[in-house]
Amino acid sequence: MKKLLLILLTILGFSSAHAQDHMYSQFFNSPLYLNPALTGQFAGDLRMNMIYRNQWSGISSGTLSYFTGSIDYNVPQFGGGLGLMFNRSSEGTAFLNKNSLAGTYAYSVGSDDFILSFGLQAGITNRTIDFSKLVFSDQIDSRTGIINGSVSGAEKPAFDNRFYFDAGAGINLVVGSFMVGGAMQHLNRPDESFTGVKARLPIRTTAHVSYMLDLNKDENIDETEKSYVIPSVIMYKQAQSQNINVGFQYKRKSINAGLWYRNSGSGTPSAFVVSLIFDIFVNKDSGEKFRLGISHDASTSRLNYTNTSGTTEGSLSYETPLRSDGYSRFNTGKHCYDFY
């Protein structure tokens, strides 16, 4: 039965990979992946983020793993910045891989009361697959499962390698203690088919809303000493796949703890998510920061935790100190990075 489950996962992954991008539970530690409008939106000079997701780690083969690395540069003169992002995904026993490299840009307008940011993203994606690792129906015995050493009579598609241009855009608004943003990826609907018959990548739409609840609002203490509860809702939709993450973070000094529930919609399994984020080092004077994050998803749907052992994510981020001139627009208002 476990072998049949692996076959099913591979087939499902191969047939639906064109319809759904991966999503991170630690969305706040992959800001450029969440929304290109968040490029350059931080208190330092240069920011580097890495995040890795090992999905359904209890499955011994046919793993689903995802990695995003990004670097962005804060340009205070226009309240945004420039960024570079690398994404890699590897899905199933046939190693359906995607590697992409994209540049991002963001610009902000507003005042000390609100900040409205606009972002653009453009890059190249390479998609590959190893067809020799796929298992077809004529290689399966109804009683014993996979027939070892068998060769399928299925015709191989014309290509096993595909390059295409990809583009996206986003917007983000911060007003007081409220933040709302949205992004659209694959705006040009690139063709990622291996067969020569066009298979357009559906547009991925993301919307996110957060609110900062100050637990020490009436106390006369420094901002860095305060505690916050930050509820958030993150919605994703791509073709028929959609899900909603609802939860909150508790943020105090250098610790950020979160509890989330992701509903499956018609896409991925539902799950409870626990996250812990630690600011290992923070220089309050210069803005230098080093952050470590970990989270774990416990599936609650038919593909349950016993079968999958859940999903684990780890993240690292580093922000270099502010430049010596210290110039910045919109100094007194809250910024998107205050929410995470």
C-alpha atoms as a PDB file:
ATOM      1  CA  MET A   1       0.000   0.000   0.000  1.00  0.00           C
ATOM      2  CA  LYS A   2       2.838   2.404   0.729  1.00  0.00           C
ATOM      3  CA  LYS A   3       4.248   1.831  -2.752  1.00  0.00           C
ATOM      4  CA  LEU A   4       0.837   2.502  -4.260  1.00  0.00           C
ATOM      5  CA  LEU A   5       0.598   5.698  -2.205  1.00  0.00           C
ATOM      6  CA  LEU A   6       3.975   6.832  -3.557  1.00  0.00           C
ATOM      7  CA  ILE A   7       2.858   6.112  -7.115  1.00  0.00           C
ATOM      8  CA  LEU A   8      -0.315   8.086  -6.538  1.00  0.00           C
ATOM      9  CA  LEU A   9       1.616  11.034  -5.111  1.00  0.00           C
ATOM     10  CA  THR A  10       3.972  11.009  -8.086  1.00  0.00           C
ATOM     11  CA  ILE A  11       1.131  10.907 -10.594  1.00  0.00           C
ATOM     12  CA  LEU A  12      -0.781  13.625  -8.793  1.00  0.00           C
ATOM     13  CA  GLY A  13       2.342  15.752  -8.476  1.00  0.00           C
ATOM     14  CA  PHE A  14       3.152  15.349 -12.181  1.00  0.00           C
ATOM     15  CA  SER A  15      -0.352  16.052 -13.404  1.00  0.00           C
ATOM     16  CA  SER A  16      -1.060  19.030 -11.174  1.00  0.00           C
ATOM     17  CA  ALA A  17       2.350  20.648 -10.759  1.00  0.00           C
ATOM     18  CA  HIS A  18       1.570  23.037 -13.594  1.00  0.00           C
ATOM     19  CA  ALA A  19      -1.501  24.224 -11.680  1.00  0.00           C
ATOM     20  CA  GLN A  20      -0.108  25.087  -8.282  1.00  0.00           C
ATOM     21  CA  ASP A  21       3.001  26.763  -6.903  1.00  0.00           C
ATOM     22  CA  HIS A  22       4.389  25.822  -3.520  1.00  0.00           C
ATOM     23  CA  MET A  23       3.503  27.981  -0.520  1.00  0.00           C
ATOM     24  CA  TYR A  24       5.499  28.629   2.630  1.00  0.00           C
ATOM     25  CA  SER A  25       4.022  28.466   6.120  1.00  0.00           C
ATOM     26  CA  GLN A  26       6.646  31.051   7.169  1.00  0.00           C
ATOM     27  CA  PHE A  27       5.375  33.517   4.578  1.00  0.00           C
ATOM     28  CA  PHE A  28       6.828  36.383   6.640  1.00  0.00           C
ATOM     29  CA  ASN A  29      10.359  34.943   6.239  1.00  0.00           C
ATOM     30  CA  SER A  30      10.104  34.784   2.438  1.00  0.00           C
ATOM     31  CA  PRO A  31       8.912  38.354   1.740  1.00  0.00           C
ATOM     32  CA  LEU A  32       9.910  38.591  -1.927  1.00  0.00           C
ATOM     33  CA  TYR A  33       8.175  35.275  -2.678  1.00  0.00           C
ATOM     34  CA  LEU A  34       5.037  36.507  -0.933  1.00  0.00           C
ATOM     35  CA  ASN A  35       4.878  39.876  -2.677  1.00  0.00           C
ATOM     36  CA  PRO A  36       7.440  41.771  -4.821  1.00  0.00           C
ATOM     37  CA  ALA A  37       6.098  45.016  -3.302  1.00  0.00           C
ATOM     38  CA  LEU A  38       7.967  44.050  -0.093  1.00  0.00           C
ATOM     39  CA  THR A  39      11.351  44.402  -1.818  1.00  0.00           C
ATOM     40  CA  GLY A  40      13.611  46.721   0.166  1.00  0.00           C
ATOM     41  CA  GLN A  41      11.056  47.071   2.942  1.00  0.00           C
ATOM     42  CA  PHE A  42      13.244  46.646   6.011  1.00  0.00           C
ATOM     43  CA  ALA A  43      15.204  48.785   8.458  1.00  0.00           C
ATOM     44  CA  GLY A  44      18.723  47.869   7.288  1.00  0.00           C
ATOM     45  CA  ASP A  45      20.842  48.309   4.175  1.00  0.00           C
ATOM     46  CA  LEU A  46      20.990  44.790   2.697  1.00  0.00           C
ATOM     47  CA  ARG A  47      18.783  41.786   3.526  1.00  0.00           C
ATOM     48  CA  MET A  48      19.364  38.103   2.783  1.00  0.00           C
ATOM     49  CA  ASN A  49      16.688  35.423   3.256  1.00  0.00           C
ATOM     50  CA  MET A  50      16.798  31.638   2.879  1.00  0.00           C
ATOM     51  CA  ILE A  51      13.912  29.257   3.503  1.00  0.00           C
ATOM     52  CA  TYR A  52      13.625  25.481   2.965  1.00  0.00           C
ATOM     53  CA  ARG A  53      10.437  23.391   3.051  1.00  0.00           C
ATOM     54  CA  ASN A  54      10.421  19.585   3.318  1.00  0.00           C
ATOM     55  CA  GLN A  55       6.848  18.537   2.660  1.00  0.00           C
ATOM     56  CA  TRP A  56       5.470  15.222   3.942  1.00  0.00           C
ATOM     57  CA  SER A  57       8.845  14.190   5.340  1.00  0.00           C
ATOM     58  CA  GLY A  58       7.598  10.731   6.405  1.00  0.00           C
ATOM     59  CA  ILE A  59       7.520   9.569   2.785  1.00  0.00           C
ATOM     60  CA  SER A  60      10.801   7.766   2.181  1.00  0.00           C
ATOM     61  CA  SER A  61      10.967   8.461  -1.561  1.00  0.00           C
ATOM     62  CA  GLY A  62       9.396  10.865  -3.975  1.00  0.00           C
ATOM     63  CA  THR A  63      10.082  13.821  -1.693  1.00  0.00           C
ATOM     64  CA  LEU A  64       8.594  17.274  -2.128  1.00  0.00           C
ATOM     65  CA  SER A  65      11.200  19.899  -1.278  1.00  0.00           C
ATOM     66  CA  TYR A  66      11.325  23.637  -1.883  1.00  0.00           C
ATOM     67  CA  PHE A  67      13.941  26.337  -1.430  1.00  0.00           C
ATOM     68  CA  THR A  68      13.914  30.101  -1.861  1.00  0.00           C
ATOM     69  CA  GLY A  69      16.911  32.374  -1.464  1.00  0.00           C
ATOM     70  CA  SER A  70      16.694  36.124  -1.907  1.00  0.00           C
ATOM     71  CA  ILE A  71      18.746  39.258  -1.455  1.00  0.00           C
ATOM     72  CA  ASP A  72      17.351  42.777  -1.590  1.00  0.00           C
ATOM     73  CA  TYR A  73      18.783  46.245  -1.212  1.00  0.00           C
ATOM     74  CA  ASN A  74      17.011  49.049   0.608  1.00  0.00           C
ATOM     75  CA  VAL A  75      16.942  52.367  -1.297  1.00  0.00           C
ATOM     76  CA  PRO A  76      15.619  54.814   1.334  1.00  0.00           C
ATOM     77  CA  GLN A  77      15.219  57.650  -1.154  1.00  0.00           C
ATOM     78  CA  PHE A  78      12.152  55.955  -2.640  1.00  0.00           C
ATOM     79  CA  GLY A  79      11.107  53.768   0.279  1.00  0.00           C
ATOM     80  CA  GLY A  80      11.616  50.517  -1.606  1.00  0.00           C
ATOM     81  CA  GLY A  81      14.476  48.701  -3.268  1.00  0.00           C
ATOM     82  CA  LEU A  82      15.945  46.202  -5.686  1.00  0.00           C
ATOM     83  CA  GLY A  83      16.050  42.434  -5.200  1.00  0.00           C
ATOM     84  CA  LEU A  84      17.134  39.105  -6.651  1.00  0.00           C
ATOM     85  CA  MET A  85      15.341  35.831  -5.880  1.00  0.00           C
ATOM     86  CA  PHE A  86      16.158  32.180  -6.630  1.00  0.00           C
ATOM     87  CA  ASN A  87      13.542  29.415  -6.305  1.00  0.00           C
ATOM     88  CA  ARG A  88      13.972  25.660  -6.582  1.00  0.00           C
ATOM     89  CA  SER A  89      11.400  22.902  -6.243  1.00  0.00           C
ATOM     90  CA  SER A  90      11.818  19.130  -6.561  1.00  0.00           C
ATOM     91  CA  GLU A  91       8.675  16.996  -6.638  1.00  0.00           C
ATOM     92  CA  GLY A  92       8.124  13.258  -6.794  1.00  0.00           C
ATOM     93  CA  THR A  93      10.204  10.225  -7.734  1.00  0.00           C
ATOM     94  CA  ALA A  94      10.486  11.533 -11.305  1.00  0.00           C
ATOM     95  CA  PHE A  95      12.324  14.611 -10.029  1.00  0.00           C
ATOM     96  CA  LEU A  96      10.026  17.210 -11.541  1.00  0.00           C
ATOM     97  CA  ASN A  97      12.322  20.171 -10.913  1.00  0.00           C
ATOM     98  CA  LYS A  98      11.881  23.896 -11.310  1.00  0.00           C
ATOM     99  CA  ASN A  99      14.664  26.455 -11.003  1.00  0.00           C
ATOM    100  CA  SER A 100      13.925  30.138 -11.410  1.00  0.00           C
ATOM    101  CA  LEU A 101      15.864  33.371 -11.097  1.00  0.00           C
ATOM    102  CA  ALA A 102      14.000  36.672 -10.924  1.00  0.00           C
ATOM    103  CA  GLY A 103      14.696  40.328 -10.280  1.00  0.00           C
ATOM    104  CA  THR A 104      12.309  42.427  -8.178  1.00  0.00           C
ATOM    105  CA  TYR A 105      11.750  46.164  -7.747  1.00  0.00           C
ATOM    106  CA  ALA A 106       9.567  48.174  -5.379  1.00  0.00           C
ATOM    107  CA  TYR A 107       8.727  51.863  -5.018  1.00  0.00           C
ATOM    108  CA  SER A 108       6.710  53.545  -2.253  1.00  0.00           C
ATOM    109  CA  VAL A 109       4.583  56.664  -2.006  1.00  0.00           C
ATOM    110  CA  GLY A 110       2.791  58.095   1.010  1.00  0.00           C
ATOM    111  CA  SER A 111       3.497  60.069   4.161  1.00  0.00           C
ATOM    112  CA  ASP A 112       4.220  59.445   7.820  1.00  0.00           C
ATOM    113  CA  ASP A 113       0.601  58.207   8.137  1.00  0.00           C
ATOM    114  CA  PHE A 114       0.552  55.606   5.363  1.00  0.00           C
ATOM    115  CA  ILE A 115       2.895  53.813   2.963  1.00  0.00           C
ATOM    116  CA  LEU A 116       1.724  52.461  -0.397  1.00  0.00           C
ATOM    117  CA  SER A 117       4.262  50.246  -2.202  1.00  0.00           C
ATOM    118  CA  PHE A 118       4.255  48.926  -5.757  1.00  0.00           C
ATOM    119  CA  GLY A 119       6.390  45.972  -6.874  1.00  0.00           C
ATOM    120  CA  LEU A 120       7.437  44.303 -10.129  1.00  0.00           C
ATOM    121  CA  GLN A 121       9.080  40.931 -10.764  1.00  0.00           C
ATOM    122  CA  ALA A 122      10.588  39.389 -13.903  1.00  0.00           C
ATOM    123  CA  GLY A 123      12.781  36.340 -14.484  1.00  0.00           C
ATOM    124  CA  ILE A 124      13.526  33.034 -16.197  1.00  0.00           C
ATOM    125  CA  THR A 125      12.345  29.551 -15.138  1.00  0.00           C
ATOM    126  CA  ASN A 126      13.741  26.149 -16.141  1.00  0.00           C
ATOM    127  CA  ARG A 127      11.498  23.077 -15.746  1.00  0.00           C
ATOM    128  CA  THR A 128      12.847  19.508 -16.096  1.00  0.00           C
ATOM    129  CA  ILE A 129      11.691  15.937 -15.467  1.00  0.00           C
ATOM    130  CA  ASP A 130      13.245  12.450 -15.536  1.00  0.00           C
ATOM    131  CA  PHE A 131      10.656  10.360 -17.424  1.00  0.00           C
ATOM    132  CA  SER A 132      12.615   7.150 -16.803  1.00  0.00           C
ATOM    133  CA  LYS A 133      11.576   7.356 -13.133  1.00  0.00           C
ATOM    134  CA  LEU A 134       7.818   7.479 -13.843  1.00  0.00           C
ATOM    135  CA  VAL A 135       5.639   4.395 -13.280  1.00  0.00           C
ATOM    136  CA  PHE A 136       2.714   3.748 -15.654  1.00  0.00           C
ATOM    137  CA  SER A 137      -0.285   1.417 -15.435  1.00  0.00           C
ATOM    138  CA  ASP A 138       1.325  -1.307 -17.585  1.00  0.00           C
ATOM    139  CA  GLN A 139       4.113  -1.579 -14.984  1.00  0.00           C
ATOM    140  CA  ILE A 140       1.737  -2.343 -12.104  1.00  0.00           C
ATOM    141  CA  ASP A 141       0.328  -5.733 -11.114  1.00  0.00           C
ATOM    142  CA  SER A 142      -3.046  -5.477  -9.370  1.00  0.00           C
ATOM    143  CA  ARG A 143      -1.944  -8.050  -6.759  1.00  0.00           C
ATOM    144  CA  THR A 144       1.750  -7.364  -6.146  1.00  0.00           C
ATOM    145  CA  GLY A 145       2.146  -3.707  -7.097  1.00  0.00           C
ATOM    146  CA  ILE A 146       5.102  -2.420  -9.145  1.00  0.00           C
ATOM    147  CA  ILE A 147       6.641  -5.003 -11.501  1.00  0.00           C
ATOM    148  CA  ASN A 148      10.383  -4.711 -10.917  1.00  0.00           C
ATOM    149  CA  GLY A 149      12.449  -4.300 -14.102  1.00  0.00           C
ATOM    150  CA  SER A 150       9.412  -3.686 -16.299  1.00  0.00           C
ATOM    151  CA  VAL A 151       9.510  -1.147 -19.142  1.00  0.00           C
ATOM    152  CA  SER A 152       6.419   0.842 -20.041  1.00  0.00           C
ATOM    153  CA  GLY A 153       5.097   1.033 -23.577  1.00  0.00           C
ATOM    154  CA  ALA A 154       3.937   4.615 -22.958  1.00  0.00           C
ATOM    155  CA  GLU A 155       5.277   7.123 -25.463  1.00  0.00           C
ATOM    156  CA  LYS A 156       7.654   9.701 -23.996  1.00  0.00           C
ATOM    157  CA  PRO A 157       6.854  13.378 -24.537  1.00  0.00           C
ATOM    158  CA  ALA A 158       8.982  15.375 -26.946  1.00  0.00           C
ATOM    159  CA  PHE A 159      10.860  17.365 -24.273  1.00  0.00           C
ATOM    160  CA  ASP A 160      12.214  16.864 -20.779  1.00  0.00           C
ATOM    161  CA  ASN A 161      13.549  20.423 -20.413  1.00  0.00           C
ATOM    162  CA  ARG A 162      11.771  23.766 -20.724  1.00  0.00           C
ATOM    163  CA  PHE A 163      12.784  27.435 -20.322  1.00  0.00           C
ATOM    164  CA  TYR A 164      10.319  30.312 -20.129  1.00  0.00           C
ATOM    165  CA  PHE A 165      10.044  33.965 -19.138  1.00  0.00           C
ATOM    166  CA  ASP A 166       7.883  34.736 -16.081  1.00  0.00           C
ATOM    167  CA  ALA A 167       6.532  38.018 -14.684  1.00  0.00           C
ATOM    168  CA  GLY A 168       4.620  39.240 -11.631  1.00  0.00           C
ATOM    169  CA  ALA A 169       3.503  42.366  -9.787  1.00  0.00           C
ATOM    170  CA  GLY A 170       2.305  43.329  -6.311  1.00  0.00           C
ATOM    171  CA  ILE A 171       0.995  46.116  -4.111  1.00  0.00           C
ATOM    172  CA  ASN A 172       1.120  46.685  -0.338  1.00  0.00           C
ATOM    173  CA  LEU A 173      -0.481  49.313   1.926  1.00  0.00           C
ATOM    174  CA  VAL A 174       0.331  50.079   5.564  1.00  0.00           C
ATOM    175  CA  VAL A 175      -2.014  52.438   7.441  1.00  0.00           C
ATOM    176  CA  GLY A 176      -1.411  52.770  11.165  1.00  0.00           C
ATOM    177  CA  SER A 177      -1.606  49.274  12.640  1.00  0.00           C
ATOM    178  CA  PHE A 178      -3.216  47.752   9.549  1.00  0.00           C
ATOM    179  CA  MET A 179      -1.532  46.178   6.515  1.00  0.00           C
ATOM    180  CA  VAL A 180      -3.084  44.765   3.352  1.00  0.00           C
ATOM    181  CA  GLY A 181      -1.363  43.575   0.200  1.00  0.00           C
ATOM    182  CA  GLY A 182      -1.763  41.505  -2.919  1.00  0.00           C
ATOM    183  CA  ALA A 183       0.311  40.009  -5.726  1.00  0.00           C
ATOM    184  CA  MET A 184      -0.178  38.240  -9.053  1.00  0.00           C
ATOM    185  CA  GLN A 185       2.431  35.861 -10.457  1.00  0.00           C
ATOM    186  CA  HIS A 186       2.769  34.337 -13.957  1.00  0.00           C
ATOM    187  CA  LEU A 187       1.004  37.330 -15.505  1.00  0.00           C
ATOM    188  CA  ASN A 188       2.222  36.313 -18.968  1.00  0.00           C
ATOM    189  CA  ARG A 189       0.813  32.759 -18.579  1.00  0.00           C
ATOM    190  CA  PRO A 190       4.010  30.977 -19.770  1.00  0.00           C
ATOM    191  CA  ASP A 191       3.805  27.657 -21.603  1.00  0.00           C
ATOM    192  CA  GLU A 192       5.491  24.940 -19.495  1.00  0.00           C
ATOM    193  CA  SER A 193       4.463  21.911 -21.569  1.00  0.00           C
ATOM    194  CA  PHE A 194       6.816  18.989 -22.227  1.00  0.00           C
ATOM    195  CA  THR A 195       4.664  17.570 -25.033  1.00  0.00           C
ATOM    196  CA  GLY A 196       4.440  20.452 -27.498  1.00  0.00           C
ATOM    197  CA  VAL A 197       0.746  20.882 -26.730  1.00  0.00           C
ATOM    198  CA  LYS A 198       0.451  24.218 -24.922  1.00  0.00           C
ATOM    199  CA  ALA A 199      -0.028  24.065 -21.153  1.00  0.00           C
ATOM    200  CA  ARG A 200      -0.328  27.589 -19.804  1.00  0.00           C
ATOM    201  CA  LEU A 201       0.784  28.177 -16.222  1.00  0.00           C
ATOM    202  CA  PRO A 202      -2.218  29.685 -14.388  1.00  0.00           C
ATOM    203  CA  ILE A 203      -1.891  33.057 -12.697  1.00  0.00           C
ATOM    204  CA  ARG A 204      -1.255  32.769  -8.959  1.00  0.00           C
ATOM    205  CA  THR A 205      -3.108  35.355  -6.899  1.00  0.00           C
ATOM    206  CA  THR A 206      -2.059  36.149  -3.329  1.00  0.00           C
ATOM    207  CA  ALA A 207      -3.808  38.417  -0.818  1.00  0.00           C
ATOM    208  CA  HIS A 208      -2.658  39.085   2.752  1.00  0.00           C
ATOM    209  CA  VAL A 209      -4.058  41.128   5.630  1.00  0.00           C
ATOM    210  CA  SER A 210      -2.463  41.762   9.065  1.00  0.00           C
ATOM    211  CA  TYR A 211      -3.219  43.883  12.110  1.00  0.00           C
ATOM    212  CA  MET A 212      -0.936  44.832  15.034  1.00  0.00           C
ATOM    213  CA  LEU A 213      -2.647  44.734  18.422  1.00  0.00           C
ATOM    214  CA  ASP A 214      -0.504  46.627  20.945  1.00  0.00           C
ATOM    215  CA  LEU A 215      -0.770  44.906  24.342  1.00  0.00           C
ATOM    216  CA  ASN A 216       1.028  47.802  26.065  1.00  0.00           C
ATOM    217  CA  LYS A 217      -0.795  50.650  24.377  1.00  0.00           C
ATOM    218  CA  ASP A 218      -1.360  52.671  27.557  1.00  0.00           C
ATOM    219  CA  GLU A 219       2.091  52.066  29.025  1.00  0.00           C
ATOM    220  CA  ASN A 220       4.904  54.577  28.590  1.00  0.00           C
ATOM    221  CA  ILE A 221       7.624  52.166  27.503  1.00  0.00           C
ATOM    222  CA  ASP A 222      10.030  51.936  24.575  1.00  0.00           C
ATOM    223  CA  GLU A 223       8.653  50.456  21.345  1.00  0.00           C
ATOM    224  CA  THR A 224      11.163  47.594  21.479  1.00  0.00           C
ATOM    225  CA  GLU A 225       9.865  46.538  24.917  1.00  0.00           C
ATOM    226  CA  LYS A 226       6.248  46.192  23.853  1.00  0.00           C
ATOM    227  CA  SER A 227       4.293  43.008  23.186  1.00  0.00           C
ATOM    228  CA  TYR A 228       2.008  42.509  20.191  1.00  0.00           C
ATOM    229  CA  VAL A 229      -0.556  40.033  18.945  1.00  0.00           C
ATOM    230  CA  ILE A 230      -0.649  40.109  15.145  1.00  0.00           C
ATOM    231  CA  PRO A 231      -3.567  38.247  13.512  1.00  0.00           C
ATOM    232  CA  SER A 232      -3.200  37.606   9.782  1.00  0.00           C
ATOM    233  CA  VAL A 233      -5.114  36.084   6.879  1.00  0.00           C
ATOM    234  CA  ILE A 234      -3.270  34.916   3.749  1.00  0.00           C
ATOM    235  CA  MET A 235      -5.212  33.718   0.716  1.00  0.00           C
ATOM    236  CA  TYR A 236      -3.837  31.915  -2.333  1.00  0.00           C
ATOM    237  CA  LYS A 237      -5.609  30.974  -5.553  1.00  0.00           C
ATOM    238  CA  GLN A 238      -4.210  29.365  -8.690  1.00  0.00           C
ATOM    239  CA  ALA A 239      -6.595  27.790 -11.200  1.00  0.00           C
ATOM    240  CA  GLN A 240      -8.777  25.411  -9.146  1.00  0.00           C
ATOM    241  CA  SER A 241      -6.314  25.246  -6.249  1.00  0.00           C
ATOM    242  CA  GLN A 242      -6.906  27.597  -3.363  1.00  0.00           C
ATOM    243  CA  ASN A 243      -6.242  27.793   0.354  1.00  0.00           C
ATOM    244  CA  ILE A 244      -6.542  30.233   3.225  1.00  0.00           C
ATOM    245  CA  ASN A 245      -4.126  30.573   6.148  1.00  0.00           C
ATOM    246  CA  VAL A 246      -5.634  32.087   9.286  1.00  0.00           C
ATOM    247  CA  GLY A 247      -3.706  32.628  12.495  1.00  0.00           C
ATOM    248  CA  PHE A 248      -1.728  34.956  14.685  1.00  0.00           C
ATOM    249  CA  GLN A 249       1.742  35.738  15.999  1.00  0.00           C
ATOM    250  CA  TYR A 250       2.751  36.787  19.471  1.00  0.00           C
ATOM    251  CA  LYS A 251       5.696  39.160  19.178  1.00  0.00           C
ATOM    252  CA  ARG A 252       7.808  40.347  22.105  1.00  0.00           C
ATOM    253  CA  LYS A 253      11.389  41.595  21.905  1.00  0.00           C
ATOM    254  CA  SER A 254      13.384  38.918  20.037  1.00  0.00           C
ATOM    255  CA  ILE A 255      10.776  36.134  20.037  1.00  0.00           C
ATOM    256  CA  ASN A 256       7.911  35.606  17.650  1.00  0.00           C
ATOM    257  CA  ALA A 257       5.586  32.608  18.135  1.00  0.00           C
ATOM    258  CA  GLY A 258       2.733  31.776  15.783  1.00  0.00           C
ATOM    259  CA  LEU A 259      -0.222  29.406  15.501  1.00  0.00           C
ATOM    260  CA  TRP A 260      -2.021  28.953  12.172  1.00  0.00           C
ATOM    261  CA  TYR A 261      -4.667  26.893  10.449  1.00  0.00           C
ATOM    262  CA  ARG A 262      -4.564  26.322   6.699  1.00  0.00           C
ATOM    263  CA  ASN A 263      -7.784  25.170   5.101  1.00  0.00           C
ATOM    264  CA  SER A 264      -7.349  23.010   2.016  1.00  0.00           C
ATOM    265  CA  GLY A 265     -10.059  24.381  -0.270  1.00  0.00           C
ATOM    266  CA  SER A 266      -9.731  22.254  -3.385  1.00  0.00           C
ATOM    267  CA  GLY A 267      -5.930  22.067  -3.236  1.00  0.00           C
ATOM    268  CA  THR A 268      -3.447  20.985  -0.600  1.00  0.00           C
ATOM    269  CA  PRO A 269      -4.307  19.165   2.657  1.00  0.00           C
ATOM    270  CA  SER A 270      -5.537  21.142   5.649  1.00  0.00           C
ATOM    271  CA  ALA A 271      -3.042  21.578   8.478  1.00  0.00           C
ATOM    272  CA  PHE A 272      -2.284  23.216  11.799  1.00  0.00           C
ATOM    273  CA  VAL A 273       1.006  25.137  11.798  1.00  0.00           C
ATOM    274  CA  VAL A 274       3.220  26.138  14.713  1.00  0.00           C
ATOM    275  CA  SER A 275       6.052  28.614  14.092  1.00  0.00           C
ATOM    276  CA  LEU A 276       8.880  29.961  16.266  1.00  0.00           C
ATOM    277  CA  ILE A 277      11.064  32.860  15.138  1.00  0.00           C
ATOM    278  CA  PHE A 278      14.119  34.029  17.071  1.00  0.00           C
ATOM    279  CA  ASP A 279      16.057  37.218  16.467  1.00  0.00           C
ATOM    280  CA  ILE A 280      19.433  35.784  17.508  1.00  0.00           C
ATOM    281  CA  PHE A 281      21.208  39.091  17.231  1.00  0.00           C
ATOM    282  CA  VAL A 282      19.791  42.613  17.001  1.00  0.00           C
ATOM    283  CA  ASN A 283      21.787  45.837  17.093  1.00  0.00           C
ATOM    284  CA  LYS A 284      19.201  48.472  18.014  1.00  0.00           C
ATOM    285  CA  ASP A 285      21.475  51.352  17.052  1.00  0.00           C
ATOM    286  CA  SER A 286      22.529  50.181  13.590  1.00  0.00           C
ATOM    287  CA  GLY A 287      19.603  47.914  12.594  1.00  0.00           C
ATOM    288  CA  GLU A 288      21.787  44.830  12.088  1.00  0.00           C
ATOM    289  CA  LYS A 289      19.795  41.630  12.650  1.00  0.00           C
ATOM    290  CA  PHE A 290      20.177  37.847  12.370  1.00  0.00           C
ATOM    291  CA  ARG A 291      17.001  35.741  12.480  1.00  0.00           C
ATOM    292  CA  LEU A 292      16.314  32.001  12.759  1.00  0.00           C
ATOM    293  CA  GLY A 293      12.896  30.477  12.122  1.00  0.00           C
ATOM    294  CA  ILE A 294      11.336  27.018  12.283  1.00  0.00           C
ATOM    295  CA  SER A 295       7.804  25.789  11.709  1.00  0.00           C
ATOM    296  CA  HIS A 296       5.944  22.505  11.475  1.00  0.00           C
ATOM    297  CA  ASP A 297       2.692  21.609   9.711  1.00  0.00           C
ATOM    298  CA  ALA A 298       0.498  18.794  11.042  1.00  0.00           C
ATOM    299  CA  SER A 299      -1.897  17.581   8.349  1.00  0.00           C
ATOM    300  CA  THR A 300      -5.511  17.081   9.394  1.00  0.00           C
ATOM    301  CA  SER A 301      -6.995  15.777   6.123  1.00  0.00           C
ATOM    302  CA  ARG A 302      -7.193  12.283   4.591  1.00  0.00           C
ATOM    303  CA  LEU A 303      -3.467  12.350   3.845  1.00  0.00           C
ATOM    304  CA  ASN A 304      -2.967  12.566   7.595  1.00  0.00           C
ATOM    305  CA  TYR A 305      -0.033  13.088   9.942  1.00  0.00           C
ATOM    306  CA  THR A 306       0.497   9.342  10.511  1.00  0.00           C
ATOM    307  CA  ASN A 307       1.148   8.825   6.786  1.00  0.00           C
ATOM    308  CA  THR A 308       3.215  11.940   6.146  1.00  0.00           C
ATOM    309  CA  SER A 309       4.932  12.970   9.437  1.00  0.00           C
ATOM    310  CA  GLY A 310       3.919  16.500   8.548  1.00  0.00           C
ATOM    311  CA  THR A 311       5.946  19.261   6.898  1.00  0.00           C
ATOM    312  CA  THR A 312       8.915  21.145   8.332  1.00  0.00           C
ATOM    313  CA  GLU A 313      10.362  24.507   7.347  1.00  0.00           C
ATOM    314  CA  GLY A 314      13.563  26.231   8.387  1.00  0.00           C
ATOM    315  CA  SER A 315      14.622  29.781   7.593  1.00  0.00           C
ATOM    316  CA  LEU A 316      17.567  32.130   8.061  1.00  0.00           C
ATOM    317  CA  SER A 317      17.734  35.861   7.436  1.00  0.00           C
ATOM    318  CA  TYR A 318      20.315  38.563   7.917  1.00  0.00           C
ATOM    319  CA  GLU A 319      20.093  42.348   7.643  1.00  0.00           C
ATOM    320  CA  THR A 320      23.194  44.494   7.421  1.00  0.00           C
ATOM    321  CA  PRO A 321      23.367  47.783   9.370  1.00  0.00           C
ATOM    322  CA  LEU A 322      21.820  50.994   8.146  1.00  0.00           C
ATOM    323  CA  ARG A 323      24.088  53.196   6.041  1.00  0.00           C
ATOM    324  CA  SER A 324      25.791  56.014   7.890  1.00  0.00           C
ATOM    325  CA  ASP A 325      23.579  58.823   6.554  1.00  0.00           C
ATOM    326  CA  GLY A 326      20.536  57.190   8.175  1.00  0.00           C
ATOM    327  CA  TYR A 327      18.229  58.808   5.617  1.00  0.00           C
ATOM    328  CA  SER A 328      14.785  57.256   5.291  1.00  0.00           C
ATOM    329  CA  ARG A 329      11.351  58.270   4.098  1.00  0.00           C
ATOM    330  CA  PHE A 330       8.228  57.896   6.236  1.00  0.00           C
ATOM    331  CA  ASN A 331      10.180  57.751   9.504  1.00  0.00           C
ATOM    332  CA  THR A 332       7.334  57.986  12.011  1.00  0.00           C
ATOM    333  CA  GLY A 333       4.829  55.549  10.517  1.00  0.00           C
ATOM    334  CA  LYS A 334       4.747  51.751  10.794  1.00  0.00           C
ATOM    335  CA  HIS A 335       6.288  49.700   8.016  1.00  0.00           C
ATOM    336  CA  CYS A 336       5.474  46.221   6.726  1.00  0.00           C
ATOM    337  CA  TYR A 337       8.496  44.732   8.526  1.00  0.00           C
ATOM    338  CA  ASP A 338       7.064  45.849  11.876  1.00  0.00           C
ATOM    339  CA  PHE A 339       4.368  43.181  11.472  1.00  0.00           C
ATOM    340  CA  TYR A 340       6.903  40.303  11.380  1.00  0.00           C
END
